[in-house]
Amino acid sequence: AVGMFVAWQGSKYAGRGAGLVGASL
């Protein structure tokens, strides 16, 4: 959820959000 929220903040943070989702999985 945190990764999705970070990625939702904009394309500038999409990589960080996807990284959080991948690390969570």
mmCIF file of all heavy atoms, coordinates in Angstrom:
data_MODEL
# 
_entry.id   MODEL 
# 
loop_
_atom_site.group_PDB 
_atom_site.id 
_atom_site.type_symbol 
_atom_site.label_atom_id 
_atom_site.label_alt_id 
_atom_site.label_comp_id 
_atom_site.label_asym_id 
_atom_site.label_entity_id 
_atom_site.label_seq_id 
_atom_site.pdbx_PDB_ins_code 
_atom_site.Cartn_x 
_atom_site.Cartn_y 
_atom_site.Cartn_z 
_atom_site.occupancy 
_atom_site.B_iso_or_equiv 
_atom_site.pdbx_formal_charge 
_atom_site.auth_seq_id 
_atom_site.auth_comp_id 
_atom_site.auth_asym_id 
_atom_site.auth_atom_id 
_atom_site.pdbx_PDB_model_num 
ATOM 1   N N   . ALA A 1 1  ? 0.831  -1.212  0.000   1.00 0.00 ? 1  ALA A N   1 
ATOM 2   C CA  . ALA A 1 1  ? 0.000  0.000   0.000   1.00 0.00 ? 1  ALA A CA  1 
ATOM 3   C C   . ALA A 1 1  ? 0.862  1.257   0.000   1.00 0.00 ? 1  ALA A C   1 
ATOM 4   O O   . ALA A 1 1  ? 0.566  2.216   -0.725  1.00 0.00 ? 1  ALA A O   1 
ATOM 5   C CB  . ALA A 1 1  ? -0.930 -0.014  1.208   1.00 0.00 ? 1  ALA A CB  1 
ATOM 6   N N   . VAL A 1 2  ? 1.937  1.262   0.779   1.00 0.00 ? 2  VAL A N   1 
ATOM 7   C CA  . VAL A 1 2  ? 2.828  2.425   0.801   1.00 0.00 ? 2  VAL A CA  1 
ATOM 8   C C   . VAL A 1 2  ? 3.490  2.596   -0.569  1.00 0.00 ? 2  VAL A C   1 
ATOM 9   O O   . VAL A 1 2  ? 3.611  3.717   -1.078  1.00 0.00 ? 2  VAL A O   1 
ATOM 10  C CB  . VAL A 1 2  ? 3.876  2.283   1.930   1.00 0.00 ? 2  VAL A CB  1 
ATOM 11  C CG1 . VAL A 1 2  ? 4.983  3.309   1.800   1.00 0.00 ? 2  VAL A CG1 1 
ATOM 12  C CG2 . VAL A 1 2  ? 3.205  2.419   3.282   1.00 0.00 ? 2  VAL A CG2 1 
ATOM 13  N N   . GLY A 1 3  ? 3.912  1.486   -1.173  1.00 0.00 ? 3  GLY A N   1 
ATOM 14  C CA  . GLY A 1 3  ? 4.516  1.565   -2.508  1.00 0.00 ? 3  GLY A CA  1 
ATOM 15  C C   . GLY A 1 3  ? 3.550  2.100   -3.544  1.00 0.00 ? 3  GLY A C   1 
ATOM 16  O O   . GLY A 1 3  ? 3.925  2.903   -4.412  1.00 0.00 ? 3  GLY A O   1 
ATOM 17  N N   . MET A 1 4  ? 2.304  1.665   -3.482  1.00 0.00 ? 4  MET A N   1 
ATOM 18  C CA  . MET A 1 4  ? 1.297  2.184   -4.412  1.00 0.00 ? 4  MET A CA  1 
ATOM 19  C C   . MET A 1 4  ? 1.044  3.672   -4.179  1.00 0.00 ? 4  MET A C   1 
ATOM 20  O O   . MET A 1 4  ? 0.862  4.446   -5.130  1.00 0.00 ? 4  MET A O   1 
ATOM 21  C CB  . MET A 1 4  ? -0.009 1.403   -4.273  1.00 0.00 ? 4  MET A CB  1 
ATOM 22  C CG  . MET A 1 4  ? 0.097  -0.038  -4.714  1.00 0.00 ? 4  MET A CG  1 
ATOM 23  S SD  . MET A 1 4  ? 0.470  -0.235  -6.439  1.00 0.00 ? 4  MET A SD  1 
ATOM 24  C CE  . MET A 1 4  ? -1.066 0.266   -7.151  1.00 0.00 ? 4  MET A CE  1 
ATOM 25  N N   . PHE A 1 5  ? 1.039  4.076   -2.912  1.00 0.00 ? 5  PHE A N   1 
ATOM 26  C CA  . PHE A 1 5  ? 0.831  5.492   -2.600  1.00 0.00 ? 5  PHE A CA  1 
ATOM 27  C C   . PHE A 1 5  ? 1.996  6.335   -3.117  1.00 0.00 ? 5  PHE A C   1 
ATOM 28  O O   . PHE A 1 5  ? 1.782  7.424   -3.671  1.00 0.00 ? 5  PHE A O   1 
ATOM 29  C CB  . PHE A 1 5  ? 0.654  5.683   -1.095  1.00 0.00 ? 5  PHE A CB  1 
ATOM 30  C CG  . PHE A 1 5  ? 0.436  7.114   -0.697  1.00 0.00 ? 5  PHE A CG  1 
ATOM 31  C CD1 . PHE A 1 5  ? -0.777 7.736   -0.943  1.00 0.00 ? 5  PHE A CD1 1 
ATOM 32  C CD2 . PHE A 1 5  ? 1.449  7.841   -0.098  1.00 0.00 ? 5  PHE A CD2 1 
ATOM 33  C CE1 . PHE A 1 5  ? -0.983 9.065   -0.593  1.00 0.00 ? 5  PHE A CE1 1 
ATOM 34  C CE2 . PHE A 1 5  ? 1.256  9.164   0.256   1.00 0.00 ? 5  PHE A CE2 1 
ATOM 35  C CZ  . PHE A 1 5  ? 0.044  9.777   0.013   1.00 0.00 ? 5  PHE A CZ  1 
ATOM 36  N N   . VAL A 1 6  ? 3.213  5.849   -2.944  1.00 0.00 ? 6  VAL A N   1 
ATOM 37  C CA  . VAL A 1 6  ? 4.386  6.592   -3.430  1.00 0.00 ? 6  VAL A CA  1 
ATOM 38  C C   . VAL A 1 6  ? 4.348  6.696   -4.952  1.00 0.00 ? 6  VAL A C   1 
ATOM 39  O O   . VAL A 1 6  ? 4.612  7.759   -5.522  1.00 0.00 ? 6  VAL A O   1 
ATOM 40  C CB  . VAL A 1 6  ? 5.689  5.921   -2.936  1.00 0.00 ? 6  VAL A CB  1 
ATOM 41  C CG1 . VAL A 1 6  ? 6.908  6.501   -3.629  1.00 0.00 ? 6  VAL A CG1 1 
ATOM 42  C CG2 . VAL A 1 6  ? 5.821  6.072   -1.430  1.00 0.00 ? 6  VAL A CG2 1 
ATOM 43  N N   . ALA A 1 7  ? 3.998  5.601   -5.628  1.00 0.00 ? 7  ALA A N   1 
ATOM 44  C CA  . ALA A 1 7  ? 3.925  5.627   -7.090  1.00 0.00 ? 7  ALA A CA  1 
ATOM 45  C C   . ALA A 1 7  ? 2.803  6.533   -7.569  1.00 0.00 ? 7  ALA A C   1 
ATOM 46  O O   . ALA A 1 7  ? 2.886  7.117   -8.656  1.00 0.00 ? 7  ALA A O   1 
ATOM 47  C CB  . ALA A 1 7  ? 3.728  4.211   -7.625  1.00 0.00 ? 7  ALA A CB  1 
ATOM 48  N N   . TRP A 1 8  ? 1.767  6.685   -6.780  1.00 0.00 ? 8  TRP A N   1 
ATOM 49  C CA  . TRP A 1 8  ? 0.631  7.527   -7.137  1.00 0.00 ? 8  TRP A CA  1 
ATOM 50  C C   . TRP A 1 8  ? 0.982  9.019   -7.087  1.00 0.00 ? 8  TRP A C   1 
ATOM 51  O O   . TRP A 1 8  ? 0.305  9.844   -7.715  1.00 0.00 ? 8  TRP A O   1 
ATOM 52  C CB  . TRP A 1 8  ? -0.515 7.202   -6.188  1.00 0.00 ? 8  TRP A CB  1 
ATOM 53  C CG  . TRP A 1 8  ? -1.774 7.966   -6.425  1.00 0.00 ? 8  TRP A CG  1 
ATOM 54  C CD1 . TRP A 1 8  ? -2.554 7.936   -7.534  1.00 0.00 ? 8  TRP A CD1 1 
ATOM 55  C CD2 . TRP A 1 8  ? -2.403 8.869   -5.525  1.00 0.00 ? 8  TRP A CD2 1 
ATOM 56  N NE1 . TRP A 1 8  ? -3.642 8.755   -7.379  1.00 0.00 ? 8  TRP A NE1 1 
ATOM 57  C CE2 . TRP A 1 8  ? -3.569 9.340   -6.140  1.00 0.00 ? 8  TRP A CE2 1 
ATOM 58  C CE3 . TRP A 1 8  ? -2.099 9.320   -4.240  1.00 0.00 ? 8  TRP A CE3 1 
ATOM 59  C CZ2 . TRP A 1 8  ? -4.413 10.245  -5.533  1.00 0.00 ? 8  TRP A CZ2 1 
ATOM 60  C CZ3 . TRP A 1 8  ? -2.945 10.215  -3.638  1.00 0.00 ? 8  TRP A CZ3 1 
ATOM 61  C CH2 . TRP A 1 8  ? -4.083 10.666  -4.280  1.00 0.00 ? 8  TRP A CH2 1 
ATOM 62  N N   . GLN A 1 9  ? 2.058  9.356   -6.388  1.00 0.00 ? 9  GLN A N   1 
ATOM 63  C CA  . GLN A 1 9  ? 2.433  10.763  -6.236  1.00 0.00 ? 9  GLN A CA  1 
ATOM 64  C C   . GLN A 1 9  ? 2.886  11.405  -7.535  1.00 0.00 ? 9  GLN A C   1 
ATOM 65  O O   . GLN A 1 9  ? 2.900  12.612  -7.646  1.00 0.00 ? 9  GLN A O   1 
ATOM 66  C CB  . GLN A 1 9  ? 3.537  10.900  -5.175  1.00 0.00 ? 9  GLN A CB  1 
ATOM 67  C CG  . GLN A 1 9  ? 3.106  10.485  -3.786  1.00 0.00 ? 9  GLN A CG  1 
ATOM 68  C CD  . GLN A 1 9  ? 1.950  11.320  -3.272  1.00 0.00 ? 9  GLN A CD  1 
ATOM 69  O OE1 . GLN A 1 9  ? 1.924  12.539  -3.395  1.00 0.00 ? 9  GLN A OE1 1 
ATOM 70  N NE2 . GLN A 1 9  ? 0.966  10.643  -2.703  1.00 0.00 ? 9  GLN A NE2 1 
ATOM 71  N N   . GLY A 1 10 ? 3.261  10.617  -8.494  1.00 0.00 ? 10 GLY A N   1 
ATOM 72  C CA  . GLY A 1 10 ? 3.658  11.182  -9.792  1.00 0.00 ? 10 GLY A CA  1 
ATOM 73  C C   . GLY A 1 10 ? 4.692  10.300  -10.454 1.00 0.00 ? 10 GLY A C   1 
ATOM 74  O O   . GLY A 1 10 ? 5.258  9.379   -9.849  1.00 0.00 ? 10 GLY A O   1 
ATOM 75  N N   . SER A 1 11 ? 4.957  10.605  -11.726 1.00 0.00 ? 11 SER A N   1 
ATOM 76  C CA  . SER A 1 11 ? 5.884  9.771   -12.484 1.00 0.00 ? 11 SER A CA  1 
ATOM 77  C C   . SER A 1 11 ? 7.311  9.881   -11.948 1.00 0.00 ? 11 SER A C   1 
ATOM 78  O O   . SER A 1 11 ? 8.128  8.991   -12.178 1.00 0.00 ? 11 SER A O   1 
ATOM 79  C CB  . SER A 1 11 ? 5.847  10.157  -13.959 1.00 0.00 ? 11 SER A CB  1 
ATOM 80  O OG  . SER A 1 11 ? 6.231  11.506  -14.117 1.00 0.00 ? 11 SER A OG  1 
ATOM 81  N N   . LYS A 1 12 ? 7.592  10.943  -11.243 1.00 0.00 ? 12 LYS A N   1 
ATOM 82  C CA  . LYS A 1 12 ? 8.920  11.117  -10.656 1.00 0.00 ? 12 LYS A CA  1 
ATOM 83  C C   . LYS A 1 12 ? 9.197  10.053  -9.594  1.00 0.00 ? 12 LYS A C   1 
ATOM 84  O O   . LYS A 1 12 ? 10.336 9.631   -9.412  1.00 0.00 ? 12 LYS A O   1 
ATOM 85  C CB  . LYS A 1 12 ? 9.012  12.519  -10.047 1.00 0.00 ? 12 LYS A CB  1 
ATOM 86  C CG  . LYS A 1 12 ? 10.328 12.865  -9.441  1.00 0.00 ? 12 LYS A CG  1 
ATOM 87  C CD  . LYS A 1 12 ? 10.282 14.295  -8.916  1.00 0.00 ? 12 LYS A CD  1 
ATOM 88  C CE  . LYS A 1 12 ? 11.568 14.657  -8.198  1.00 0.00 ? 12 LYS A CE  1 
ATOM 89  N NZ  . LYS A 1 12 ? 11.521 16.004  -7.648  1.00 0.00 ? 12 LYS A NZ  1 
ATOM 90  N N   . TYR A 1 13 ? 8.144  9.572   -8.918  1.00 0.00 ? 13 TYR A N   1 
ATOM 91  C CA  . TYR A 1 13 ? 8.286  8.614   -7.826  1.00 0.00 ? 13 TYR A CA  1 
ATOM 92  C C   . TYR A 1 13 ? 7.811  7.206   -8.192  1.00 0.00 ? 13 TYR A C   1 
ATOM 93  O O   . TYR A 1 13 ? 7.730  6.342   -7.318  1.00 0.00 ? 13 TYR A O   1 
ATOM 94  C CB  . TYR A 1 13 ? 7.494  9.090   -6.606  1.00 0.00 ? 13 TYR A CB  1 
ATOM 95  C CG  . TYR A 1 13 ? 7.915  10.452  -6.129  1.00 0.00 ? 13 TYR A CG  1 
ATOM 96  C CD1 . TYR A 1 13 ? 7.111  11.558  -6.357  1.00 0.00 ? 13 TYR A CD1 1 
ATOM 97  C CD2 . TYR A 1 13 ? 9.121  10.634  -5.472  1.00 0.00 ? 13 TYR A CD2 1 
ATOM 98  C CE1 . TYR A 1 13 ? 7.489  12.812  -5.927  1.00 0.00 ? 13 TYR A CE1 1 
ATOM 99  C CE2 . TYR A 1 13 ? 9.512  11.876  -5.035  1.00 0.00 ? 13 TYR A CE2 1 
ATOM 100 C CZ  . TYR A 1 13 ? 8.691  12.966  -5.266  1.00 0.00 ? 13 TYR A CZ  1 
ATOM 101 O OH  . TYR A 1 13 ? 9.077  14.199  -4.838  1.00 0.00 ? 13 TYR A OH  1 
ATOM 102 N N   . ALA A 1 14 ? 7.499  6.976   -9.456  1.00 0.00 ? 14 ALA A N   1 
ATOM 103 C CA  . ALA A 1 14 ? 6.956  5.675   -9.861  1.00 0.00 ? 14 ALA A CA  1 
ATOM 104 C C   . ALA A 1 14 ? 7.962  4.555   -9.636  1.00 0.00 ? 14 ALA A C   1 
ATOM 105 O O   . ALA A 1 14 ? 7.596  3.454   -9.207  1.00 0.00 ? 14 ALA A O   1 
ATOM 106 C CB  . ALA A 1 14 ? 6.524  5.711   -11.320 1.00 0.00 ? 14 ALA A CB  1 
ATOM 107 N N   . GLY A 1 15 ? 9.225  4.817   -9.911  1.00 0.00 ? 15 GLY A N   1 
ATOM 108 C CA  . GLY A 1 15 ? 10.250 3.796   -9.716  1.00 0.00 ? 15 GLY A CA  1 
ATOM 109 C C   . GLY A 1 15 ? 10.412 3.418   -8.258  1.00 0.00 ? 15 GLY A C   1 
ATOM 110 O O   . GLY A 1 15 ? 10.552 2.233   -7.917  1.00 0.00 ? 15 GLY A O   1 
ATOM 111 N N   . ARG A 1 16 ? 10.379 4.423   -7.383  1.00 0.00 ? 16 ARG A N   1 
ATOM 112 C CA  . ARG A 1 16 ? 10.499 4.147   -5.940  1.00 0.00 ? 16 ARG A CA  1 
ATOM 113 C C   . ARG A 1 16 ? 9.296  3.365   -5.426  1.00 0.00 ? 16 ARG A C   1 
ATOM 114 O O   . ARG A 1 16 ? 9.433  2.446   -4.631  1.00 0.00 ? 16 ARG A O   1 
ATOM 115 C CB  . ARG A 1 16 ? 10.633 5.459   -5.168  1.00 0.00 ? 16 ARG A CB  1 
ATOM 116 C CG  . ARG A 1 16 ? 11.926 6.155   -5.399  1.00 0.00 ? 16 ARG A CG  1 
ATOM 117 C CD  . ARG A 1 16 ? 11.994 7.426   -4.597  1.00 0.00 ? 16 ARG A CD  1 
ATOM 118 N NE  . ARG A 1 16 ? 13.184 8.183   -4.963  1.00 0.00 ? 16 ARG A NE  1 
ATOM 119 C CZ  . ARG A 1 16 ? 13.302 9.466   -4.797  1.00 0.00 ? 16 ARG A CZ  1 
ATOM 120 N NH1 . ARG A 1 16 ? 12.311 10.159  -4.259  1.00 0.00 ? 16 ARG A NH1 1 
ATOM 121 N NH2 . ARG A 1 16 ? 14.410 10.076  -5.152  1.00 0.00 ? 16 ARG A NH2 1 
ATOM 122 N N   . GLY A 1 17 ? 8.112  3.743   -5.895  1.00 0.00 ? 17 GLY A N   1 
ATOM 123 C CA  . GLY A 1 17 ? 6.907  3.034   -5.468  1.00 0.00 ? 17 GLY A CA  1 
ATOM 124 C C   . GLY A 1 17 ? 6.894  1.591   -5.949  1.00 0.00 ? 17 GLY A C   1 
ATOM 125 O O   . GLY A 1 17 ? 6.557  0.670   -5.194  1.00 0.00 ? 17 GLY A O   1 
ATOM 126 N N   . ALA A 1 18 ? 7.277  1.379   -7.196  1.00 0.00 ? 18 ALA A N   1 
ATOM 127 C CA  . ALA A 1 18 ? 7.337  0.021   -7.724  1.00 0.00 ? 18 ALA A CA  1 
ATOM 128 C C   . ALA A 1 18 ? 8.399  -0.789  -6.994  1.00 0.00 ? 18 ALA A C   1 
ATOM 129 O O   . ALA A 1 18 ? 8.232  -1.993  -6.761  1.00 0.00 ? 18 ALA A O   1 
ATOM 130 C CB  . ALA A 1 18 ? 7.613  0.046   -9.221  1.00 0.00 ? 18 ALA A CB  1 
ATOM 131 N N   . GLY A 1 19 ? 9.503  -0.140  -6.622  1.00 0.00 ? 19 GLY A N   1 
ATOM 132 C CA  . GLY A 1 19 ? 10.539 -0.822  -5.847  1.00 0.00 ? 19 GLY A CA  1 
ATOM 133 C C   . GLY A 1 19 ? 10.018 -1.271  -4.488  1.00 0.00 ? 19 GLY A C   1 
ATOM 134 O O   . GLY A 1 19 ? 10.330 -2.369  -4.019  1.00 0.00 ? 19 GLY A O   1 
ATOM 135 N N   . LEU A 1 20 ? 9.214  -0.424  -3.849  1.00 0.00 ? 20 LEU A N   1 
ATOM 136 C CA  . LEU A 1 20 ? 8.619  -0.799  -2.559  1.00 0.00 ? 20 LEU A CA  1 
ATOM 137 C C   . LEU A 1 20 ? 7.635  -1.964  -2.699  1.00 0.00 ? 20 LEU A C   1 
ATOM 138 O O   . LEU A 1 20 ? 7.610  -2.865  -1.861  1.00 0.00 ? 20 LEU A O   1 
ATOM 139 C CB  . LEU A 1 20 ? 7.905  0.402   -1.932  1.00 0.00 ? 20 LEU A CB  1 
ATOM 140 C CG  . LEU A 1 20 ? 8.781  1.388   -1.181  1.00 0.00 ? 20 LEU A CG  1 
ATOM 141 C CD1 . LEU A 1 20 ? 7.973  2.622   -0.803  1.00 0.00 ? 20 LEU A CD1 1 
ATOM 142 C CD2 . LEU A 1 20 ? 9.340  0.740   0.057   1.00 0.00 ? 20 LEU A CD2 1 
ATOM 143 N N   . VAL A 1 21 ? 6.846  -1.944  -3.765  1.00 0.00 ? 21 VAL A N   1 
ATOM 144 C CA  . VAL A 1 21 ? 5.896  -3.041  -3.989  1.00 0.00 ? 21 VAL A CA  1 
ATOM 145 C C   . VAL A 1 21 ? 6.653  -4.339  -4.240  1.00 0.00 ? 21 VAL A C   1 
ATOM 146 O O   . VAL A 1 21 ? 6.335  -5.388  -3.673  1.00 0.00 ? 21 VAL A O   1 
ATOM 147 C CB  . VAL A 1 21 ? 4.945  -2.702  -5.168  1.00 0.00 ? 21 VAL A CB  1 
ATOM 148 C CG1 . VAL A 1 21 ? 4.122  -3.912  -5.546  1.00 0.00 ? 21 VAL A CG1 1 
ATOM 149 C CG2 . VAL A 1 21 ? 4.041  -1.548  -4.797  1.00 0.00 ? 21 VAL A CG2 1 
ATOM 150 N N   . GLY A 1 22 ? 7.680  -4.296  -5.085  1.00 0.00 ? 22 GLY A N   1 
ATOM 151 C CA  . GLY A 1 22 ? 8.471  -5.488  -5.372  1.00 0.00 ? 22 GLY A CA  1 
ATOM 152 C C   . GLY A 1 22 ? 9.179  -6.017  -4.139  1.00 0.00 ? 22 GLY A C   1 
ATOM 153 O O   . GLY A 1 22 ? 9.217  -7.233  -3.896  1.00 0.00 ? 22 GLY A O   1 
ATOM 154 N N   . ALA A 1 23 ? 9.739  -5.103  -3.343  1.00 0.00 ? 23 ALA A N   1 
ATOM 155 C CA  . ALA A 1 23 ? 10.413 -5.524  -2.114  1.00 0.00 ? 23 ALA A CA  1 
ATOM 156 C C   . ALA A 1 23 ? 9.421  -6.121  -1.120  1.00 0.00 ? 23 ALA A C   1 
ATOM 157 O O   . ALA A 1 23 ? 9.747  -7.092  -0.418  1.00 0.00 ? 23 ALA A O   1 
ATOM 158 C CB  . ALA A 1 23 ? 11.140 -4.336  -1.499  1.00 0.00 ? 23 ALA A CB  1 
ATOM 159 N N   . SER A 1 24 ? 8.219  -5.593  -1.067  1.00 0.00 ? 24 SER A N   1 
ATOM 160 C CA  . SER A 1 24 ? 7.200  -6.137  -0.169  1.00 0.00 ? 24 SER A CA  1 
ATOM 161 C C   . SER A 1 24 ? 6.802  -7.553  -0.581  1.00 0.00 ? 24 SER A C   1 
ATOM 162 O O   . SER A 1 24 ? 6.640  -8.440  0.263   1.00 0.00 ? 24 SER A O   1 
ATOM 163 C CB  . SER A 1 24 ? 5.960  -5.250  -0.158  1.00 0.00 ? 24 SER A CB  1 
ATOM 164 O OG  . SER A 1 24 ? 6.272  -3.990  0.369   1.00 0.00 ? 24 SER A OG  1 
ATOM 165 N N   . LEU A 1 25 ? 6.661  -7.771  -1.892  1.00 0.00 ? 25 LEU A N   1 
ATOM 166 C CA  . LEU A 1 25 ? 6.312  -9.109  -2.364  1.00 0.00 ? 25 LEU A CA  1 
ATOM 167 C C   . LEU A 1 25 ? 7.450  -10.097 -2.119  1.00 0.00 ? 25 LEU A C   1 
ATOM 168 O O   . LEU A 1 25 ? 7.213  -11.258 -1.744  1.00 0.00 ? 25 LEU A O   1 
ATOM 169 C CB  . LEU A 1 25 ? 5.941  -9.065  -3.843  1.00 0.00 ? 25 LEU A CB  1 
ATOM 170 C CG  . LEU A 1 25 ? 4.628  -8.350  -4.161  1.00 0.00 ? 25 LEU A CG  1 
ATOM 171 C CD1 . LEU A 1 25 ? 4.444  -8.222  -5.661  1.00 0.00 ? 25 LEU A CD1 1 
ATOM 172 C CD2 . LEU A 1 25 ? 3.468  -9.077  -3.545  1.00 0.00 ? 25 LEU A CD2 1 
# 
